[in-house]
Each structure stands twice: as C-alpha cells, then as structure tokens.
C-alpha cells in the first residue's frame, strides 16, 4: 500500500510513487510475456 498512487477525496501526499531503477528487468518481462502467450494476448507471436 505504500506504493498507492491516489486516495480519492484527499489533497496532499498523492501522485508521488516512483519505480526504482532496475525494477522493470528482463526476468519480470519474461514472466509477463509467458503469461501473455498462455492467454492469447501477444500481438507479435
């Protein structure tokens, strides 16, 4: 929950989350791509 982007109806403390460098790595990309393949969502199979 510390990475939540917005709390509707509140002002201040929103829109602040940032991804850490290196978080979007090849291992994560591979897992997502495999899921895309299994569920028929790859546009460039």
ModelCIF file with pLDDT and N, C-alpha, C, O atoms, coordinates in Angstrom:
data_MODEL
#
_entry.id   MODEL 
#
_entity.id                         1 
_entity.type                       polymer 
_entity.pdbx_number_of_molecules   1 
#
_entity_poly.entity_id                      1 
_entity_poly.type                           'polypeptide(L)' 
_entity_poly.nstd_linkage                   no 
_entity_poly.nstd_monomer                   no 
_entity_poly.pdbx_seq_one_letter_code       
;(UNK)(UNK)(UNK)(UNK)(UNK)(UNK)(UNK)(UNK)(UNK)(UNK)(UNK)(UNK)(UNK)(UNK)(UNK)(UNK)
(UNK)(UNK)(UNK)(UNK)(UNK)(UNK)(UNK)(UNK)(UNK)(UNK)(UNK)(UNK)(UNK)(UNK)(UNK)(UNK)
(UNK)(UNK)(UNK)(UNK)(UNK)(UNK)(UNK)(UNK)(UNK)(UNK)(UNK)(UNK)(UNK)
;
_entity_poly.pdbx_seq_one_letter_code_can   XXXXXXXXXXXXXXXXXXXXXXXXXXXXXXXXXXXXXXXXXXXXX 
_entity_poly.pdbx_strand_id                 A 
#
loop_
_entity_poly_seq.entity_id 
_entity_poly_seq.num 
_entity_poly_seq.mon_id 
_entity_poly_seq.hetero 
1 1  UNK n 
1 2  UNK n 
1 3  UNK n 
1 4  UNK n 
1 5  UNK n 
1 6  UNK n 
1 7  UNK n 
1 8  UNK n 
1 9  UNK n 
1 10 UNK n 
1 11 UNK n 
1 12 UNK n 
1 13 UNK n 
1 14 UNK n 
1 15 UNK n 
1 16 UNK n 
1 17 UNK n 
1 18 UNK n 
1 19 UNK n 
1 20 UNK n 
1 21 UNK n 
1 22 UNK n 
1 23 UNK n 
1 24 UNK n 
1 25 UNK n 
1 26 UNK n 
1 27 UNK n 
1 28 UNK n 
1 29 UNK n 
1 30 UNK n 
1 31 UNK n 
1 32 UNK n 
1 33 UNK n 
1 34 UNK n 
1 35 UNK n 
1 36 UNK n 
1 37 UNK n 
1 38 UNK n 
1 39 UNK n 
1 40 UNK n 
1 41 UNK n 
1 42 UNK n 
1 43 UNK n 
1 44 UNK n 
1 45 UNK n 
#
_struct_asym.id          A 
_struct_asym.entity_id   1 
#
loop_
_ma_qa_metric.id 
_ma_qa_metric.mode 
_ma_qa_metric.name 
_ma_qa_metric.software_group_id 
_ma_qa_metric.type 
1 global pLDDT . pLDDT 
2 local  pLDDT . pLDDT 
#
_ma_qa_metric_global.metric_id      1 
_ma_qa_metric_global.metric_value   93.87 
_ma_qa_metric_global.model_id       1 
_ma_qa_metric_global.ordinal_id     1 
#
loop_
_ma_qa_metric_local.label_asym_id 
_ma_qa_metric_local.label_comp_id 
_ma_qa_metric_local.label_seq_id 
_ma_qa_metric_local.metric_id 
_ma_qa_metric_local.metric_value 
_ma_qa_metric_local.model_id 
_ma_qa_metric_local.ordinal_id 
A UNK 1  2 97.00 1 1  
A UNK 2  2 96.00 1 2  
A UNK 3  2 97.00 1 3  
A UNK 4  2 97.00 1 4  
A UNK 5  2 97.00 1 5  
A UNK 6  2 95.00 1 6  
A UNK 7  2 92.00 1 7  
A UNK 8  2 85.00 1 8  
A UNK 9  2 77.00 1 9  
A UNK 10 2 84.00 1 10 
A UNK 11 2 83.00 1 11 
A UNK 12 2 86.00 1 12 
A UNK 13 2 91.00 1 13 
A UNK 14 2 96.00 1 14 
A UNK 15 2 97.00 1 15 
A UNK 16 2 96.00 1 16 
A UNK 17 2 97.00 1 17 
A UNK 18 2 97.00 1 18 
A UNK 19 2 97.00 1 19 
A UNK 20 2 96.00 1 20 
A UNK 21 2 95.00 1 21 
A UNK 22 2 96.00 1 22 
A UNK 23 2 97.00 1 23 
A UNK 24 2 98.00 1 24 
A UNK 25 2 98.00 1 25 
A UNK 26 2 98.00 1 26 
A UNK 27 2 98.00 1 27 
A UNK 28 2 98.00 1 28 
A UNK 29 2 98.00 1 29 
A UNK 30 2 98.00 1 30 
A UNK 31 2 98.00 1 31 
A UNK 32 2 98.00 1 32 
A UNK 33 2 98.00 1 33 
A UNK 34 2 98.00 1 34 
A UNK 35 2 98.00 1 35 
A UNK 36 2 98.00 1 36 
A UNK 37 2 97.00 1 37 
A UNK 38 2 97.00 1 38 
A UNK 39 2 98.00 1 39 
A UNK 40 2 97.00 1 40 
A UNK 41 2 98.00 1 41 
A UNK 42 2 95.00 1 42 
A UNK 43 2 85.00 1 43 
A UNK 44 2 76.00 1 44 
A UNK 45 2 66.00 1 45 
#
loop_
_atom_site.group_PDB 
_atom_site.id 
_atom_site.type_symbol 
_atom_site.label_atom_id 
_atom_site.label_alt_id 
_atom_site.label_comp_id 
_atom_site.label_asym_id 
_atom_site.label_entity_id 
_atom_site.label_seq_id 
_atom_site.pdbx_PDB_ins_code 
_atom_site.Cartn_x 
_atom_site.Cartn_y 
_atom_site.Cartn_z 
_atom_site.occupancy 
_atom_site.B_iso_or_equiv 
_atom_site.pdbx_formal_charge 
_atom_site.auth_seq_id 
_atom_site.auth_comp_id 
_atom_site.auth_asym_id 
_atom_site.auth_atom_id 
_atom_site.pdbx_PDB_model_num 
ATOM 1   N N  . UNK A 1 1  ? 0.794   -1.228  0.000   1.00 97.00 ? 1  UNK A N  1 
ATOM 2   C CA . UNK A 1 1  ? 0.000   0.000   0.000   1.00 97.00 ? 1  UNK A CA 1 
ATOM 3   C C  . UNK A 1 1  ? 0.823   1.273   0.000   1.00 97.00 ? 1  UNK A C  1 
ATOM 4   O O  . UNK A 1 1  ? 0.315   2.340   -0.343  1.00 97.00 ? 1  UNK A O  1 
ATOM 5   N N  . UNK A 1 2  ? 2.102   1.173   0.385   1.00 96.00 ? 2  UNK A N  1 
ATOM 6   C CA . UNK A 1 2  ? 2.954   2.369   0.357   1.00 96.00 ? 2  UNK A CA 1 
ATOM 7   C C  . UNK A 1 2  ? 3.155   2.887   -1.061  1.00 96.00 ? 2  UNK A C  1 
ATOM 8   O O  . UNK A 1 2  ? 3.561   4.034   -1.248  1.00 96.00 ? 2  UNK A O  1 
ATOM 9   N N  . UNK A 1 3  ? 2.874   2.052   -2.067  1.00 97.00 ? 3  UNK A N  1 
ATOM 10  C CA . UNK A 1 3  ? 3.053   2.453   -3.472  1.00 97.00 ? 3  UNK A CA 1 
ATOM 11  C C  . UNK A 1 3  ? 1.753   2.927   -4.111  1.00 97.00 ? 3  UNK A C  1 
ATOM 12  O O  . UNK A 1 3  ? 1.707   3.159   -5.319  1.00 97.00 ? 3  UNK A O  1 
ATOM 13  N N  . UNK A 1 4  ? 0.709   3.072   -3.324  1.00 97.00 ? 4  UNK A N  1 
ATOM 14  C CA . UNK A 1 4  ? -0.570  3.546   -3.868  1.00 97.00 ? 4  UNK A CA 1 
ATOM 15  C C  . UNK A 1 4  ? -0.404  4.931   -4.474  1.00 97.00 ? 4  UNK A C  1 
ATOM 16  O O  . UNK A 1 4  ? 0.325   5.765   -3.937  1.00 97.00 ? 4  UNK A O  1 
ATOM 17  N N  . UNK A 1 5  ? -1.080  5.177   -5.593  1.00 97.00 ? 5  UNK A N  1 
ATOM 18  C CA . UNK A 1 5  ? -0.907  6.438   -6.313  1.00 97.00 ? 5  UNK A CA 1 
ATOM 19  C C  . UNK A 1 5  ? -1.830  7.541   -5.795  1.00 97.00 ? 5  UNK A C  1 
ATOM 20  O O  . UNK A 1 5  ? -1.415  8.697   -5.715  1.00 97.00 ? 5  UNK A O  1 
ATOM 21  N N  . UNK A 1 6  ? -3.077  7.207   -5.440  1.00 95.00 ? 6  UNK A N  1 
ATOM 22  C CA . UNK A 1 6  ? -4.029  8.251   -5.080  1.00 95.00 ? 6  UNK A CA 1 
ATOM 23  C C  . UNK A 1 6  ? -5.048  7.733   -4.073  1.00 95.00 ? 6  UNK A C  1 
ATOM 24  O O  . UNK A 1 6  ? -5.485  6.583   -4.131  1.00 95.00 ? 6  UNK A O  1 
ATOM 25  N N  . UNK A 1 7  ? -5.413  8.620   -3.145  1.00 92.00 ? 7  UNK A N  1 
ATOM 26  C CA . UNK A 1 7  ? -6.522  8.393   -2.236  1.00 92.00 ? 7  UNK A CA 1 
ATOM 27  C C  . UNK A 1 7  ? -7.625  9.382   -2.619  1.00 92.00 ? 7  UNK A C  1 
ATOM 28  O O  . UNK A 1 7  ? -7.532  10.557  -2.263  1.00 92.00 ? 7  UNK A O  1 
ATOM 29  N N  . UNK A 1 8  ? -8.670  8.939   -3.336  1.00 85.00 ? 8  UNK A N  1 
ATOM 30  C CA . UNK A 1 8  ? -9.715  9.873   -3.795  1.00 85.00 ? 8  UNK A CA 1 
ATOM 31  C C  . UNK A 1 8  ? -10.307 10.676  -2.643  1.00 85.00 ? 8  UNK A C  1 
ATOM 32  O O  . UNK A 1 8  ? -10.518 10.168  -1.542  1.00 85.00 ? 8  UNK A O  1 
ATOM 33  N N  . UNK A 1 9  ? -10.568 11.953  -2.937  1.00 77.00 ? 9  UNK A N  1 
ATOM 34  C CA . UNK A 1 9  ? -11.173 12.831  -1.945  1.00 77.00 ? 9  UNK A CA 1 
ATOM 35  C C  . UNK A 1 9  ? -10.194 13.440  -0.968  1.00 77.00 ? 9  UNK A C  1 
ATOM 36  O O  . UNK A 1 9  ? -10.601 14.148  -0.047  1.00 77.00 ? 9  UNK A O  1 
ATOM 37  N N  . UNK A 1 10 ? -8.893  13.176  -1.152  1.00 84.00 ? 10 UNK A N  1 
ATOM 38  C CA . UNK A 1 10 ? -7.878  13.771  -0.280  1.00 84.00 ? 10 UNK A CA 1 
ATOM 39  C C  . UNK A 1 10 ? -6.940  14.647  -1.095  1.00 84.00 ? 10 UNK A C  1 
ATOM 40  O O  . UNK A 1 10 ? -6.789  14.451  -2.301  1.00 84.00 ? 10 UNK A O  1 
ATOM 41  N N  . UNK A 1 11 ? -6.314  15.609  -0.439  1.00 83.00 ? 11 UNK A N  1 
ATOM 42  C CA . UNK A 1 11 ? -5.358  16.506  -1.086  1.00 83.00 ? 11 UNK A CA 1 
ATOM 43  C C  . UNK A 1 11 ? -4.038  16.429  -0.325  1.00 83.00 ? 11 UNK A C  1 
ATOM 44  O O  . UNK A 1 11 ? -4.008  16.522  0.902   1.00 83.00 ? 11 UNK A O  1 
ATOM 45  N N  . UNK A 1 12 ? -2.949  16.259  -1.071  1.00 86.00 ? 12 UNK A N  1 
ATOM 46  C CA . UNK A 1 12 ? -1.633  16.161  -0.449  1.00 86.00 ? 12 UNK A CA 1 
ATOM 47  C C  . UNK A 1 12 ? -1.230  14.711  -0.251  1.00 86.00 ? 12 UNK A C  1 
ATOM 48  O O  . UNK A 1 12 ? -2.018  13.891  0.219   1.00 86.00 ? 12 UNK A O  1 
ATOM 49  N N  . UNK A 1 13 ? 0.008   14.407  -0.617  1.00 91.00 ? 13 UNK A N  1 
ATOM 50  C CA . UNK A 1 13 ? 0.515   13.055  -0.446  1.00 91.00 ? 13 UNK A CA 1 
ATOM 51  C C  . UNK A 1 13 ? 0.147   12.084  -1.542  1.00 91.00 ? 13 UNK A C  1 
ATOM 52  O O  . UNK A 1 13 ? 0.452   10.895  -1.449  1.00 91.00 ? 13 UNK A O  1 
ATOM 53  N N  . UNK A 1 14 ? -0.516  12.582  -2.596  1.00 96.00 ? 14 UNK A N  1 
ATOM 54  C CA . UNK A 1 14 ? -0.892  11.721  -3.714  1.00 96.00 ? 14 UNK A CA 1 
ATOM 55  C C  . UNK A 1 14 ? 0.048   11.905  -4.903  1.00 96.00 ? 14 UNK A C  1 
ATOM 56  O O  . UNK A 1 14 ? 0.811   12.869  -4.959  1.00 96.00 ? 14 UNK A O  1 
ATOM 57  N N  . UNK A 1 15 ? -0.016  10.959  -5.863  1.00 97.00 ? 15 UNK A N  1 
ATOM 58  C CA . UNK A 1 15 ? 0.682   11.038  -7.148  1.00 97.00 ? 15 UNK A CA 1 
ATOM 59  C C  . UNK A 1 15 ? 2.201   10.928  -7.011  1.00 97.00 ? 15 UNK A C  1 
ATOM 60  O O  . UNK A 1 15 ? 2.929   11.306  -7.929  1.00 97.00 ? 15 UNK A O  1 
ATOM 61  N N  . UNK A 1 16 ? 2.687   10.418  -5.884  1.00 96.00 ? 16 UNK A N  1 
ATOM 62  C CA . UNK A 1 16 ? 4.115   10.507  -5.586  1.00 96.00 ? 16 UNK A CA 1 
ATOM 63  C C  . UNK A 1 16 ? 4.916   9.258   -5.941  1.00 96.00 ? 16 UNK A C  1 
ATOM 64  O O  . UNK A 1 16 ? 6.136   9.344   -6.077  1.00 96.00 ? 16 UNK A O  1 
ATOM 65  N N  . UNK A 1 17 ? 4.272   8.100   -6.095  1.00 97.00 ? 17 UNK A N  1 
ATOM 66  C CA . UNK A 1 17 ? 5.033   6.862   -6.244  1.00 97.00 ? 17 UNK A CA 1 
ATOM 67  C C  . UNK A 1 17 ? 5.930   6.873   -7.472  1.00 97.00 ? 17 UNK A C  1 
ATOM 68  O O  . UNK A 1 17 ? 5.547   7.340   -8.545  1.00 97.00 ? 17 UNK A O  1 
ATOM 69  N N  . UNK A 1 18 ? 7.155   6.335   -7.281  1.00 97.00 ? 18 UNK A N  1 
ATOM 70  C CA . UNK A 1 18 ? 8.091   6.157   -8.387  1.00 97.00 ? 18 UNK A CA 1 
ATOM 71  C C  . UNK A 1 18 ? 8.677   4.758   -8.341  1.00 97.00 ? 18 UNK A C  1 
ATOM 72  O O  . UNK A 1 18 ? 8.908   4.195   -7.271  1.00 97.00 ? 18 UNK A O  1 
ATOM 73  N N  . UNK A 1 19 ? 8.912   4.213   -9.515  1.00 97.00 ? 19 UNK A N  1 
ATOM 74  C CA . UNK A 1 19 ? 9.524   2.893   -9.626  1.00 97.00 ? 19 UNK A CA 1 
ATOM 75  C C  . UNK A 1 19 ? 11.035  3.014   -9.441  1.00 97.00 ? 19 UNK A C  1 
ATOM 76  O O  . UNK A 1 19 ? 11.651  3.961   -9.930  1.00 97.00 ? 19 UNK A O  1 
ATOM 77  N N  . UNK A 1 20 ? 11.616  2.071   -8.746  1.00 96.00 ? 20 UNK A N  1 
ATOM 78  C CA . UNK A 1 20 ? 13.066  2.085   -8.534  1.00 96.00 ? 20 UNK A CA 1 
ATOM 79  C C  . UNK A 1 20 ? 13.808  1.674   -9.800  1.00 96.00 ? 20 UNK A C  1 
ATOM 80  O O  . UNK A 1 20 ? 13.311  0.848   -10.566 1.00 96.00 ? 20 UNK A O  1 
ATOM 81  N N  . UNK A 1 21 ? 14.986  2.238   -10.028 1.00 95.00 ? 21 UNK A N  1 
ATOM 82  C CA . UNK A 1 21 ? 15.776  1.831   -11.197 1.00 95.00 ? 21 UNK A CA 1 
ATOM 83  C C  . UNK A 1 21 ? 16.029  0.327   -11.189 1.00 95.00 ? 21 UNK A C  1 
ATOM 84  O O  . UNK A 1 21 ? 16.335  -0.253  -10.147 1.00 95.00 ? 21 UNK A O  1 
ATOM 85  N N  . UNK A 1 22 ? 15.902  -0.291  -12.339 1.00 96.00 ? 22 UNK A N  1 
ATOM 86  C CA . UNK A 1 22 ? 16.175  -1.712  -12.469 1.00 96.00 ? 22 UNK A CA 1 
ATOM 87  C C  . UNK A 1 22 ? 15.024  -2.623  -12.104 1.00 96.00 ? 22 UNK A C  1 
ATOM 88  O O  . UNK A 1 22 ? 15.129  -3.839  -12.270 1.00 96.00 ? 22 UNK A O  1 
ATOM 89  N N  . UNK A 1 23 ? 13.913  -2.064  -11.605 1.00 97.00 ? 23 UNK A N  1 
ATOM 90  C CA . UNK A 1 23 ? 12.789  -2.919  -11.193 1.00 97.00 ? 23 UNK A CA 1 
ATOM 91  C C  . UNK A 1 23 ? 12.141  -3.613  -12.386 1.00 97.00 ? 23 UNK A C  1 
ATOM 92  O O  . UNK A 1 23 ? 11.735  -4.771  -12.291 1.00 97.00 ? 23 UNK A O  1 
ATOM 93  N N  . UNK A 1 24 ? 12.046  -2.905  -13.506 1.00 98.00 ? 24 UNK A N  1 
ATOM 94  C CA . UNK A 1 24 ? 11.465  -3.484  -14.724 1.00 98.00 ? 24 UNK A CA 1 
ATOM 95  C C  . UNK A 1 24 ? 12.563  -4.234  -15.467 1.00 98.00 ? 24 UNK A C  1 
ATOM 96  O O  . UNK A 1 24 ? 13.103  -3.738  -16.457 1.00 98.00 ? 24 UNK A O  1 
ATOM 97  N N  . UNK A 1 25 ? 12.888  -5.420  -14.990 1.00 98.00 ? 25 UNK A N  1 
ATOM 98  C CA . UNK A 1 25 ? 14.043  -6.148  -15.537 1.00 98.00 ? 25 UNK A CA 1 
ATOM 99  C C  . UNK A 1 25 ? 13.607  -7.249  -16.500 1.00 98.00 ? 25 UNK A C  1 
ATOM 100 O O  . UNK A 1 25 ? 12.417  -7.462  -16.729 1.00 98.00 ? 25 UNK A O  1 
ATOM 101 N N  . UNK A 1 26 ? 14.586  -7.932  -17.051 1.00 98.00 ? 26 UNK A N  1 
ATOM 102 C CA . UNK A 1 26 ? 14.304  -8.967  -18.048 1.00 98.00 ? 26 UNK A CA 1 
ATOM 103 C C  . UNK A 1 26 ? 13.560  -10.153 -17.441 1.00 98.00 ? 26 UNK A C  1 
ATOM 104 O O  . UNK A 1 26 ? 12.748  -10.784 -18.118 1.00 98.00 ? 26 UNK A O  1 
ATOM 105 N N  . UNK A 1 27 ? 13.824  -10.456 -16.194 1.00 98.00 ? 27 UNK A N  1 
ATOM 106 C CA . UNK A 1 27 ? 13.138  -11.586 -15.565 1.00 98.00 ? 27 UNK A CA 1 
ATOM 107 C C  . UNK A 1 27 ? 11.639  -11.322 -15.467 1.00 98.00 ? 27 UNK A C  1 
ATOM 108 O O  . UNK A 1 27 ? 10.825  -12.191 -15.779 1.00 98.00 ? 27 UNK A O  1 
ATOM 109 N N  . UNK A 1 28 ? 11.280  -10.108 -15.029 1.00 98.00 ? 28 UNK A N  1 
ATOM 110 C CA . UNK A 1 28 ? 9.868   -9.745  -14.956 1.00 98.00 ? 28 UNK A CA 1 
ATOM 111 C C  . UNK A 1 28 ? 9.246   -9.729  -16.347 1.00 98.00 ? 28 UNK A C  1 
ATOM 112 O O  . UNK A 1 28 ? 8.132   -10.218 -16.534 1.00 98.00 ? 28 UNK A O  1 
ATOM 113 N N  . UNK A 1 29 ? 9.954   -9.172  -17.319 1.00 98.00 ? 29 UNK A N  1 
ATOM 114 C CA . UNK A 1 29 ? 9.452   -9.142  -18.691 1.00 98.00 ? 29 UNK A CA 1 
ATOM 115 C C  . UNK A 1 29 ? 9.188   -10.558 -19.202 1.00 98.00 ? 29 UNK A C  1 
ATOM 116 O O  . UNK A 1 29 ? 8.194   -10.798 -19.887 1.00 98.00 ? 29 UNK A O  1 
ATOM 117 N N  . UNK A 1 30 ? 10.069  -11.484 -18.873 1.00 98.00 ? 30 UNK A N  1 
ATOM 118 C CA . UNK A 1 30 ? 9.894   -12.859 -19.314 1.00 98.00 ? 30 UNK A CA 1 
ATOM 119 C C  . UNK A 1 30 ? 8.660   -13.508 -18.720 1.00 98.00 ? 30 UNK A C  1 
ATOM 120 O O  . UNK A 1 30 ? 7.944   -14.235 -19.410 1.00 98.00 ? 30 UNK A O  1 
ATOM 121 N N  . UNK A 1 31 ? 8.404   -13.250 -17.434 1.00 98.00 ? 31 UNK A N  1 
ATOM 122 C CA . UNK A 1 31 ? 7.223   -13.830 -16.781 1.00 98.00 ? 31 UNK A CA 1 
ATOM 123 C C  . UNK A 1 31 ? 5.941   -13.270 -17.384 1.00 98.00 ? 31 UNK A C  1 
ATOM 124 O O  . UNK A 1 31 ? 4.979   -14.003 -17.611 1.00 98.00 ? 31 UNK A O  1 
ATOM 125 N N  . UNK A 1 32 ? 5.936   -11.963 -17.641 1.00 98.00 ? 32 UNK A N  1 
ATOM 126 C CA . UNK A 1 32 ? 4.736   -11.351 -18.220 1.00 98.00 ? 32 UNK A CA 1 
ATOM 127 C C  . UNK A 1 32 ? 4.523   -11.853 -19.649 1.00 98.00 ? 32 UNK A C  1 
ATOM 128 O O  . UNK A 1 32 ? 3.393   -12.118 -20.058 1.00 98.00 ? 32 UNK A O  1 
ATOM 129 N N  . UNK A 1 33 ? 5.604   -11.980 -20.395 1.00 98.00 ? 33 UNK A N  1 
ATOM 130 C CA . UNK A 1 33 ? 5.485   -12.456 -21.775 1.00 98.00 ? 33 UNK A CA 1 
ATOM 131 C C  . UNK A 1 33 ? 4.937   -13.887 -21.821 1.00 98.00 ? 33 UNK A C  1 
ATOM 132 O O  . UNK A 1 33 ? 4.121   -14.217 -22.682 1.00 98.00 ? 33 UNK A O  1 
ATOM 133 N N  . UNK A 1 34 ? 5.384   -14.717 -20.903 1.00 98.00 ? 34 UNK A N  1 
ATOM 134 C CA . UNK A 1 34 ? 4.878   -16.089 -20.849 1.00 98.00 ? 34 UNK A CA 1 
ATOM 135 C C  . UNK A 1 34 ? 3.379   -16.090 -20.549 1.00 98.00 ? 34 UNK A C  1 
ATOM 136 O O  . UNK A 1 34 ? 2.627   -16.870 -21.134 1.00 98.00 ? 34 UNK A O  1 
ATOM 137 N N  . UNK A 1 35 ? 2.946   -15.216 -19.639 1.00 98.00 ? 35 UNK A N  1 
ATOM 138 C CA . UNK A 1 35 ? 1.516   -15.109 -19.326 1.00 98.00 ? 35 UNK A CA 1 
ATOM 139 C C  . UNK A 1 35 ? 0.731   -14.610 -20.535 1.00 98.00 ? 35 UNK A C  1 
ATOM 140 O O  . UNK A 1 35 ? -0.363  -15.096 -20.820 1.00 98.00 ? 35 UNK A O  1 
ATOM 141 N N  . UNK A 1 36 ? 1.297   -13.642 -21.239 1.00 98.00 ? 36 UNK A N  1 
ATOM 142 C CA . UNK A 1 36 ? 0.652   -13.160 -22.470 1.00 98.00 ? 36 UNK A CA 1 
ATOM 143 C C  . UNK A 1 36 ? 0.478   -14.295 -23.474 1.00 98.00 ? 36 UNK A C  1 
ATOM 144 O O  . UNK A 1 36 ? -0.564  -14.420 -24.118 1.00 98.00 ? 36 UNK A O  1 
ATOM 145 N N  . UNK A 1 37 ? 1.514   -15.117 -23.595 1.00 97.00 ? 37 UNK A N  1 
ATOM 146 C CA . UNK A 1 37 ? 1.440   -16.237 -24.531 1.00 97.00 ? 37 UNK A CA 1 
ATOM 147 C C  . UNK A 1 37 ? 0.367   -17.242 -24.145 1.00 97.00 ? 37 UNK A C  1 
ATOM 148 O O  . UNK A 1 37 ? -0.376  -17.727 -24.997 1.00 97.00 ? 37 UNK A O  1 
ATOM 149 N N  . UNK A 1 38 ? 0.289   -17.552 -22.848 1.00 97.00 ? 38 UNK A N  1 
ATOM 150 C CA . UNK A 1 38 ? -0.694  -18.546 -22.390 1.00 97.00 ? 38 UNK A CA 1 
ATOM 151 C C  . UNK A 1 38 ? -2.129  -18.054 -22.538 1.00 97.00 ? 38 UNK A C  1 
ATOM 152 O O  . UNK A 1 38 ? -3.047  -18.857 -22.704 1.00 97.00 ? 38 UNK A O  1 
ATOM 153 N N  . UNK A 1 39 ? -2.327  -16.736 -22.480 1.00 98.00 ? 39 UNK A N  1 
ATOM 154 C CA . UNK A 1 39 ? -3.695  -16.190 -22.519 1.00 98.00 ? 39 UNK A CA 1 
ATOM 155 C C  . UNK A 1 39 ? -4.045  -15.559 -23.861 1.00 98.00 ? 39 UNK A C  1 
ATOM 156 O O  . UNK A 1 39 ? -5.075  -14.896 -23.987 1.00 98.00 ? 39 UNK A O  1 
ATOM 157 N N  . UNK A 1 40 ? -3.190  -15.761 -24.865 1.00 97.00 ? 40 UNK A N  1 
ATOM 158 C CA . UNK A 1 40 ? -3.505  -15.292 -26.214 1.00 97.00 ? 40 UNK A CA 1 
ATOM 159 C C  . UNK A 1 40 ? -3.485  -13.793 -26.380 1.00 97.00 ? 40 UNK A C  1 
ATOM 160 O O  . UNK A 1 40 ? -4.255  -13.245 -27.169 1.00 97.00 ? 40 UNK A O  1 
ATOM 161 N N  . UNK A 1 41 ? -2.607  -13.112 -25.640 1.00 98.00 ? 41 UNK A N  1 
ATOM 162 C CA . UNK A 1 41 ? -2.569  -11.649 -25.709 1.00 98.00 ? 41 UNK A CA 1 
ATOM 163 C C  . UNK A 1 41 ? -1.292  -11.106 -26.361 1.00 98.00 ? 41 UNK A C  1 
ATOM 164 O O  . UNK A 1 41 ? -1.033  -9.905  -26.289 1.00 98.00 ? 41 UNK A O  1 
ATOM 165 N N  . UNK A 1 42 ? -0.503  -11.957 -26.986 1.00 95.00 ? 42 UNK A N  1 
ATOM 166 C CA . UNK A 1 42 ? 0.687   -11.486 -27.697 1.00 95.00 ? 42 UNK A CA 1 
ATOM 167 C C  . UNK A 1 42 ? 0.298   -10.997 -29.081 1.00 95.00 ? 42 UNK A C  1 
ATOM 168 O O  . UNK A 1 42 ? -0.269  -11.754 -29.869 1.00 95.00 ? 42 UNK A O  1 
ATOM 169 N N  . UNK A 1 43 ? 0.598   -9.731  -29.391 1.00 85.00 ? 43 UNK A N  1 
ATOM 170 C CA . UNK A 1 43 ? 0.265   -9.210  -30.708 1.00 85.00 ? 43 UNK A CA 1 
ATOM 171 C C  . UNK A 1 43 ? 1.280   -9.634  -31.746 1.00 85.00 ? 43 UNK A C  1 
ATOM 172 O O  . UNK A 1 43 ? 0.982   -9.655  -32.940 1.00 85.00 ? 43 UNK A O  1 
ATOM 173 N N  . UNK A 1 44 ? 2.488   -9.976  -31.295 1.00 76.00 ? 44 UNK A N  1 
ATOM 174 C CA . UNK A 1 44 ? 3.553   -10.368 -32.231 1.00 76.00 ? 44 UNK A CA 1 
ATOM 175 C C  . UNK A 1 44 ? 4.088   -11.753 -31.872 1.00 76.00 ? 44 UNK A C  1 
ATOM 176 O O  . UNK A 1 44 ? 5.258   -11.894 -31.515 1.00 76.00 ? 44 UNK A O  1 
ATOM 177 N N  . UNK A 1 45 ? 3.237   -12.773 -31.965 1.00 66.00 ? 45 UNK A N  1 
ATOM 178 C CA . UNK A 1 45 ? 3.689   -14.117 -31.564 1.00 66.00 ? 45 UNK A CA 1 
ATOM 179 C C  . UNK A 1 45 ? 4.760   -14.671 -32.484 1.00 66.00 ? 45 UNK A C  1 
ATOM 180 O O  . UNK A 1 45 ? 5.236   -15.787 -32.275 1.00 66.00 ? 45 UNK A O  1 
#
